[in-house]
Amino acid sequence: MKKYLPMLLMAIIMVLGMSFGTLSFAQTTPTLSCSTGSSSVNVNEVMVLTASGGTGTYFWSGQDLNVTNSSGTQFAVSYPNTGTFQVNVSSGGQTAMCNVIVSGTQSSSGNLSCSPAVQSVMLGQNATFSASGGNGEYSWSSPDLTIANPNGSGFTANYASIGLKTLSVTSNGLIATCATNVFSNVVSVPTTPGFPNTGGGYGQ
């Protein structure tokens, strides 16, 4: 038995070596992708971009964008000129690209508009909007806000959570939508107690 022991040990080592050699470490991070909410938009209209895959933490950057501390699954952009604009999203060492196609201008005749179409604020900072067009009477609504006064030609919102927020204004049967990218503060924000997302209209 003793003379076979070295051979047995050698066989075990070889088997273990083969087993470890066949182990594979699969890529566990899903492929990062960026998608647009529509094929194209008009000048000064909102385009919503959505990221998926990666690590679930996203950072946005792009052409003609002055964005700092950007994060979130969704990101909104708008452009004042026609053309194709590139927006990048990165996550977990990967980068994906969306092309935002701005194909035309809106007619101002009788149209309702909410401006700015897109803005970026830090958490807790006010976002301010204005409406024009329609019949001069405006009603504001948002799934992200508790609204104290839904009427008026202007609107101020304060958000207590980061991410993409949407706000709609209606007038004379027309509807227009604005978007706000809410970014986290560099300074940590207390989570308890939380502050409600609030907004209210002003002006008539």
C-alpha atoms as a PDB file:
ATOM      1  CA  MET A   1       0.000   0.000   0.000  1.00  0.00           C
ATOM      2  CA  LYS A   2       2.853   2.370   0.880  1.00  0.00           C
ATOM      3  CA  LYS A   3       4.414   2.048  -2.546  1.00  0.00           C
ATOM      4  CA  TYR A   4       1.115   3.021  -4.203  1.00  0.00           C
ATOM      5  CA  LEU A   5       0.534   6.041  -1.935  1.00  0.00           C
ATOM      6  CA  PRO A   6       2.676   8.504  -3.952  1.00  0.00           C
ATOM      7  CA  MET A   7       0.892   7.460  -7.126  1.00  0.00           C
ATOM      8  CA  LEU A   8      -2.493   7.894  -5.449  1.00  0.00           C
ATOM      9  CA  LEU A   9      -1.560  11.346  -4.205  1.00  0.00           C
ATOM     10  CA  MET A  10      -0.344  12.288  -7.657  1.00  0.00           C
ATOM     11  CA  ALA A  11      -3.622  11.119  -9.209  1.00  0.00           C
ATOM     12  CA  ILE A  12      -5.623  13.176  -6.682  1.00  0.00           C
ATOM     13  CA  ILE A  13      -3.535  16.279  -7.417  1.00  0.00           C
ATOM     14  CA  MET A  14      -4.035  15.804 -11.152  1.00  0.00           C
ATOM     15  CA  VAL A  15      -7.800  15.408 -10.760  1.00  0.00           C
ATOM     16  CA  LEU A  16      -8.006  18.487  -8.543  1.00  0.00           C
ATOM     17  CA  GLY A  17      -5.878  20.438 -10.992  1.00  0.00           C
ATOM     18  CA  MET A  18      -8.133  19.495 -13.870  1.00  0.00           C
ATOM     19  CA  SER A  19     -11.222  20.428 -11.851  1.00  0.00           C
ATOM     20  CA  PHE A  20      -9.881  23.835 -10.916  1.00  0.00           C
ATOM     21  CA  GLY A  21      -8.665  24.367 -14.439  1.00  0.00           C
ATOM     22  CA  THR A  22     -12.158  23.951 -15.852  1.00  0.00           C
ATOM     23  CA  LEU A  23     -13.722  26.453 -13.485  1.00  0.00           C
ATOM     24  CA  SER A  24     -14.904  29.579 -15.275  1.00  0.00           C
ATOM     25  CA  PHE A  25     -15.788  32.912 -13.780  1.00  0.00           C
ATOM     26  CA  ALA A  26     -18.766  34.240 -15.723  1.00  0.00           C
ATOM     27  CA  GLN A  27     -19.284  37.970 -16.236  1.00  0.00           C
ATOM     28  CA  THR A  28     -21.937  38.828 -13.655  1.00  0.00           C
ATOM     29  CA  THR A  29     -22.387  42.494 -14.598  1.00  0.00           C
ATOM     30  CA  PRO A  30     -25.134  42.841 -17.239  1.00  0.00           C
ATOM     31  CA  THR A  31     -24.325  44.722 -20.420  1.00  0.00           C
ATOM     32  CA  LEU A  32     -25.036  48.440 -20.098  1.00  0.00           C
ATOM     33  CA  SER A  33     -27.504  49.985 -22.537  1.00  0.00           C
ATOM     34  CA  CYS A  34     -29.099  53.367 -23.173  1.00  0.00           C
ATOM     35  CA  SER A  35     -32.498  53.854 -24.812  1.00  0.00           C
ATOM     36  CA  THR A  36     -34.514  56.901 -25.873  1.00  0.00           C
ATOM     37  CA  GLY A  37     -38.157  57.547 -25.078  1.00  0.00           C
ATOM     38  CA  SER A  38     -38.962  58.345 -28.721  1.00  0.00           C
ATOM     39  CA  SER A  39     -37.259  58.297 -32.100  1.00  0.00           C
ATOM     40  CA  SER A  40     -36.944  62.092 -32.224  1.00  0.00           C
ATOM     41  CA  VAL A  41     -38.182  65.309 -30.601  1.00  0.00           C
ATOM     42  CA  ASN A  42     -38.696  68.904 -31.632  1.00  0.00           C
ATOM     43  CA  VAL A  43     -36.556  71.815 -30.518  1.00  0.00           C
ATOM     44  CA  ASN A  44     -36.920  72.508 -26.768  1.00  0.00           C
ATOM     45  CA  GLU A  45     -38.949  69.345 -26.194  1.00  0.00           C
ATOM     46  CA  VAL A  46     -38.104  66.767 -23.542  1.00  0.00           C
ATOM     47  CA  MET A  47     -36.321  63.556 -24.451  1.00  0.00           C
ATOM     48  CA  VAL A  48     -36.172  60.992 -21.660  1.00  0.00           C
ATOM     49  CA  LEU A  49     -33.235  58.578 -21.683  1.00  0.00           C
ATOM     50  CA  THR A  50     -33.249  55.294 -19.772  1.00  0.00           C
ATOM     51  CA  ALA A  51     -30.268  53.201 -18.699  1.00  0.00           C
ATOM     52  CA  SER A  52     -30.324  49.487 -17.914  1.00  0.00           C
ATOM     53  CA  GLY A  53     -27.723  46.889 -17.063  1.00  0.00           C
ATOM     54  CA  GLY A  54     -24.389  47.764 -15.544  1.00  0.00           C
ATOM     55  CA  THR A  55     -24.262  47.885 -11.764  1.00  0.00           C
ATOM     56  CA  GLY A  56     -27.500  49.841 -11.322  1.00  0.00           C
ATOM     57  CA  THR A  57     -25.618  53.062 -10.575  1.00  0.00           C
ATOM     58  CA  TYR A  58     -25.437  55.416 -13.548  1.00  0.00           C
ATOM     59  CA  PHE A  59     -23.601  58.624 -14.449  1.00  0.00           C
ATOM     60  CA  TRP A  60     -24.696  60.752 -17.407  1.00  0.00           C
ATOM     61  CA  SER A  61     -22.663  63.119 -19.567  1.00  0.00           C
ATOM     62  CA  GLY A  62     -22.810  64.422 -23.076  1.00  0.00           C
ATOM     63  CA  GLN A  63     -22.547  66.969 -25.805  1.00  0.00           C
ATOM     64  CA  ASP A  64     -23.778  70.442 -24.850  1.00  0.00           C
ATOM     65  CA  LEU A  65     -24.582  69.273 -21.329  1.00  0.00           C
ATOM     66  CA  ASN A  66     -23.236  71.025 -18.265  1.00  0.00           C
ATOM     67  CA  VAL A  67     -24.023  68.364 -15.674  1.00  0.00           C
ATOM     68  CA  THR A  68     -22.281  67.575 -12.415  1.00  0.00           C
ATOM     69  CA  ASN A  69     -23.010  64.809  -9.936  1.00  0.00           C
ATOM     70  CA  SER A  70     -25.495  63.193 -12.306  1.00  0.00           C
ATOM     71  CA  SER A  71     -27.032  59.875 -11.412  1.00  0.00           C
ATOM     72  CA  GLY A  72     -30.225  57.872 -11.769  1.00  0.00           C
ATOM     73  CA  THR A  73     -31.775  55.307 -14.107  1.00  0.00           C
ATOM     74  CA  GLN A  74     -33.459  58.027 -16.174  1.00  0.00           C
ATOM     75  CA  PHE A  75     -32.164  61.339 -17.457  1.00  0.00           C
ATOM     76  CA  ALA A  76     -33.911  64.124 -19.408  1.00  0.00           C
ATOM     77  CA  VAL A  77     -32.430  66.441 -22.020  1.00  0.00           C
ATOM     78  CA  SER A  78     -33.651  69.121 -24.423  1.00  0.00           C
ATOM     79  CA  TYR A  79     -31.858  71.110 -27.098  1.00  0.00           C
ATOM     80  CA  PRO A  80     -32.529  74.544 -28.646  1.00  0.00           C
ATOM     81  CA  ASN A  81     -31.327  73.534 -32.116  1.00  0.00           C
ATOM     82  CA  THR A  82     -31.951  70.732 -34.583  1.00  0.00           C
ATOM     83  CA  GLY A  83     -29.342  68.014 -35.016  1.00  0.00           C
ATOM     84  CA  THR A  84     -28.144  64.782 -33.466  1.00  0.00           C
ATOM     85  CA  PHE A  85     -26.670  64.992 -29.983  1.00  0.00           C
ATOM     86  CA  GLN A  86     -24.752  62.276 -28.172  1.00  0.00           C
ATOM     87  CA  VAL A  87     -25.407  61.468 -24.507  1.00  0.00           C
ATOM     88  CA  ASN A  88     -23.312  58.906 -22.656  1.00  0.00           C
ATOM     89  CA  VAL A  89     -24.110  56.848 -19.592  1.00  0.00           C
ATOM     90  CA  SER A  90     -21.479  54.938 -17.628  1.00  0.00           C
ATOM     91  CA  SER A  91     -21.781  52.212 -15.023  1.00  0.00           C
ATOM     92  CA  GLY A  92     -19.367  49.658 -13.616  1.00  0.00           C
ATOM     93  CA  GLY A  93     -16.597  50.438 -16.090  1.00  0.00           C
ATOM     94  CA  GLN A  94     -18.956  50.261 -19.086  1.00  0.00           C
ATOM     95  CA  THR A  95     -20.185  53.126 -21.289  1.00  0.00           C
ATOM     96  CA  ALA A  96     -23.266  53.227 -23.513  1.00  0.00           C
ATOM     97  CA  MET A  97     -24.452  55.942 -25.880  1.00  0.00           C
ATOM     98  CA  CYS A  98     -27.796  57.414 -26.882  1.00  0.00           C
ATOM     99  CA  ASN A  99     -28.240  59.604 -29.952  1.00  0.00           C
ATOM    100  CA  VAL A 100     -30.860  62.299 -29.370  1.00  0.00           C
ATOM    101  CA  ILE A 101     -32.337  63.406 -32.692  1.00  0.00           C
ATOM    102  CA  VAL A 102     -33.861  66.895 -32.690  1.00  0.00           C
ATOM    103  CA  SER A 103     -35.707  67.014 -35.974  1.00  0.00           C
ATOM    104  CA  GLY A 104     -37.830  70.156 -36.097  1.00  0.00           C
ATOM    105  CA  THR A 105     -39.351  73.189 -34.421  1.00  0.00           C
ATOM    106  CA  GLN A 106     -42.746  73.531 -32.845  1.00  0.00           C
ATOM    107  CA  SER A 107     -45.188  76.019 -34.256  1.00  0.00           C
ATOM    108  CA  SER A 108     -45.911  78.690 -31.653  1.00  0.00           C
ATOM    109  CA  SER A 109     -49.394  79.350 -32.982  1.00  0.00           C
ATOM    110  CA  GLY A 110     -51.854  78.328 -30.261  1.00  0.00           C
ATOM    111  CA  ASN A 111     -49.397  75.909 -28.704  1.00  0.00           C
ATOM    112  CA  LEU A 112     -48.963  75.440 -24.993  1.00  0.00           C
ATOM    113  CA  SER A 113     -45.419  75.359 -23.670  1.00  0.00           C
ATOM    114  CA  CYS A 114     -43.734  74.677 -20.357  1.00  0.00           C
ATOM    115  CA  SER A 115     -40.287  76.132 -19.899  1.00  0.00           C
ATOM    116  CA  PRO A 116     -37.556  75.370 -19.321  1.00  0.00           C
ATOM    117  CA  ALA A 117     -38.278  72.012 -20.923  1.00  0.00           C
ATOM    118  CA  VAL A 118     -35.512  70.431 -18.820  1.00  0.00           C
ATOM    119  CA  GLN A 119     -33.578  71.713 -15.840  1.00  0.00           C
ATOM    120  CA  SER A 120     -31.221  70.193 -13.312  1.00  0.00           C
ATOM    121  CA  VAL A 121     -31.252  71.020  -9.600  1.00  0.00           C
ATOM    122  CA  MET A 122     -29.624  69.707  -6.473  1.00  0.00           C
ATOM    123  CA  LEU A 123     -31.690  67.893  -3.864  1.00  0.00           C
ATOM    124  CA  GLY A 124     -33.713  70.433  -1.867  1.00  0.00           C
ATOM    125  CA  GLN A 125     -33.145  73.237  -4.374  1.00  0.00           C
ATOM    126  CA  ASN A 126     -36.193  74.892  -5.952  1.00  0.00           C
ATOM    127  CA  ALA A 127     -37.057  74.260  -9.599  1.00  0.00           C
ATOM    128  CA  THR A 128     -39.051  77.038 -11.283  1.00  0.00           C
ATOM    129  CA  PHE A 129     -41.191  76.746 -14.425  1.00  0.00           C
ATOM    130  CA  SER A 130     -43.401  79.016 -16.496  1.00  0.00           C
ATOM    131  CA  ALA A 131     -46.267  78.365 -18.893  1.00  0.00           C
ATOM    132  CA  SER A 132     -47.276  80.239 -22.035  1.00  0.00           C
ATOM    133  CA  GLY A 133     -49.809  79.761 -24.799  1.00  0.00           C
ATOM    134  CA  GLY A 134     -53.115  77.983 -24.360  1.00  0.00           C
ATOM    135  CA  ASN A 135     -55.920  80.294 -23.249  1.00  0.00           C
ATOM    136  CA  GLY A 136     -53.963  81.959 -20.441  1.00  0.00           C
ATOM    137  CA  GLU A 137     -55.428  79.766 -17.685  1.00  0.00           C
ATOM    138  CA  TYR A 138     -53.157  77.026 -16.401  1.00  0.00           C
ATOM    139  CA  SER A 139     -53.379  73.973 -14.179  1.00  0.00           C
ATOM    140  CA  TRP A 140     -50.253  72.118 -12.996  1.00  0.00           C
ATOM    141  CA  SER A 141     -49.977  68.456 -12.008  1.00  0.00           C
ATOM    142  CA  SER A 142     -47.221  65.999 -11.145  1.00  0.00           C
ATOM    143  CA  PRO A 143     -47.054  62.421  -9.837  1.00  0.00           C
ATOM    144  CA  ASP A 144     -43.989  63.443  -7.832  1.00  0.00           C
ATOM    145  CA  LEU A 145     -45.411  66.407  -5.926  1.00  0.00           C
ATOM    146  CA  THR A 146     -47.873  67.428  -3.253  1.00  0.00           C
ATOM    147  CA  ILE A 147     -49.305  70.594  -4.832  1.00  0.00           C
ATOM    148  CA  ALA A 148     -50.643  73.397  -2.674  1.00  0.00           C
ATOM    149  CA  ASN A 149     -51.820  75.661  -5.513  1.00  0.00           C
ATOM    150  CA  PRO A 150     -52.177  74.018  -8.945  1.00  0.00           C
ATOM    151  CA  ASN A 151     -52.985  77.214 -10.854  1.00  0.00           C
ATOM    152  CA  GLY A 152     -51.120  80.179 -12.284  1.00  0.00           C
ATOM    153  CA  SER A 153     -48.698  80.852 -15.122  1.00  0.00           C
ATOM    154  CA  GLY A 154     -45.666  79.894 -13.012  1.00  0.00           C
ATOM    155  CA  PHE A 155     -44.776  77.005 -10.763  1.00  0.00           C
ATOM    156  CA  THR A 156     -42.114  76.319  -8.134  1.00  0.00           C
ATOM    157  CA  ALA A 157     -41.276  72.779  -6.984  1.00  0.00           C
ATOM    158  CA  ASN A 158     -39.058  71.429  -4.230  1.00  0.00           C
ATOM    159  CA  TYR A 159     -38.029  67.779  -4.407  1.00  0.00           C
ATOM    160  CA  ALA A 160     -36.897  65.626  -1.494  1.00  0.00           C
ATOM    161  CA  SER A 161     -35.651  62.668  -3.555  1.00  0.00           C
ATOM    162  CA  ILE A 162     -33.229  62.327  -6.448  1.00  0.00           C
ATOM    163  CA  GLY A 163     -34.080  61.160  -9.954  1.00  0.00           C
ATOM    164  CA  LEU A 164     -36.106  62.298 -12.948  1.00  0.00           C
ATOM    165  CA  LYS A 165     -39.247  64.276 -12.076  1.00  0.00           C
ATOM    166  CA  THR A 166     -42.000  65.290 -14.502  1.00  0.00           C
ATOM    167  CA  LEU A 167     -44.429  68.193 -14.331  1.00  0.00           C
ATOM    168  CA  SER A 168     -47.370  68.832 -16.657  1.00  0.00           C
ATOM    169  CA  VAL A 169     -49.390  71.951 -17.332  1.00  0.00           C
ATOM    170  CA  THR A 170     -52.782  71.987 -19.069  1.00  0.00           C
ATOM    171  CA  SER A 171     -54.668  74.833 -20.730  1.00  0.00           C
ATOM    172  CA  ASN A 172     -57.583  74.911 -23.149  1.00  0.00           C
ATOM    173  CA  GLY A 173     -57.418  71.141 -23.652  1.00  0.00           C
ATOM    174  CA  LEU A 174     -53.672  71.199 -24.395  1.00  0.00           C
ATOM    175  CA  ILE A 175     -50.945  69.653 -22.267  1.00  0.00           C
ATOM    176  CA  ALA A 176     -47.208  70.338 -22.031  1.00  0.00           C
ATOM    177  CA  THR A 177     -44.587  68.558 -19.942  1.00  0.00           C
ATOM    178  CA  CYS A 178     -41.375  69.706 -18.279  1.00  0.00           C
ATOM    179  CA  ALA A 179     -38.746  67.531 -16.646  1.00  0.00           C
ATOM    180  CA  THR A 180     -36.303  68.048 -13.786  1.00  0.00           C
ATOM    181  CA  ASN A 181     -33.165  66.040 -13.100  1.00  0.00           C
ATOM    182  CA  VAL A 182     -32.703  66.076  -9.321  1.00  0.00           C
ATOM    183  CA  PHE A 183     -29.153  65.252  -8.265  1.00  0.00           C
ATOM    184  CA  SER A 184     -27.819  64.376  -4.844  1.00  0.00           C
ATOM    185  CA  ASN A 185     -25.986  66.987  -2.847  1.00  0.00           C
ATOM    186  CA  VAL A 186     -22.264  66.657  -2.293  1.00  0.00           C
ATOM    187  CA  VAL A 187     -23.006  67.076   1.409  1.00  0.00           C
ATOM    188  CA  SER A 188     -24.929  64.136   2.849  1.00  0.00           C
ATOM    189  CA  VAL A 189     -28.642  64.738   3.276  1.00  0.00           C
ATOM    190  CA  PRO A 190     -30.464  63.564   6.427  1.00  0.00           C
ATOM    191  CA  THR A 191     -32.958  60.855   5.604  1.00  0.00           C
ATOM    192  CA  THR A 192     -34.954  61.082   8.832  1.00  0.00           C
ATOM    193  CA  PRO A 193     -37.249  62.834   9.029  1.00  0.00           C
ATOM    194  CA  GLY A 194     -37.919  63.030   5.314  1.00  0.00           C
ATOM    195  CA  PHE A 195     -39.295  66.170   3.713  1.00  0.00           C
ATOM    196  CA  PRO A 196     -42.245  65.917   1.319  1.00  0.00           C
ATOM    197  CA  ASN A 197     -41.977  66.754  -2.363  1.00  0.00           C
ATOM    198  CA  THR A 198     -43.991  69.947  -2.655  1.00  0.00           C
ATOM    199  CA  GLY A 199     -44.943  72.470  -5.312  1.00  0.00           C
ATOM    200  CA  GLY A 200     -47.311  75.323  -6.012  1.00  0.00           C
ATOM    201  CA  GLY A 201     -48.374  77.607  -8.804  1.00  0.00           C
ATOM    202  CA  TYR A 202     -48.170  81.363  -8.795  1.00  0.00           C
ATOM    203  CA  GLY A 203     -49.273  84.256 -11.028  1.00  0.00           C
ATOM    204  CA  GLN A 204     -52.379  84.445 -13.122  1.00  0.00           C
END
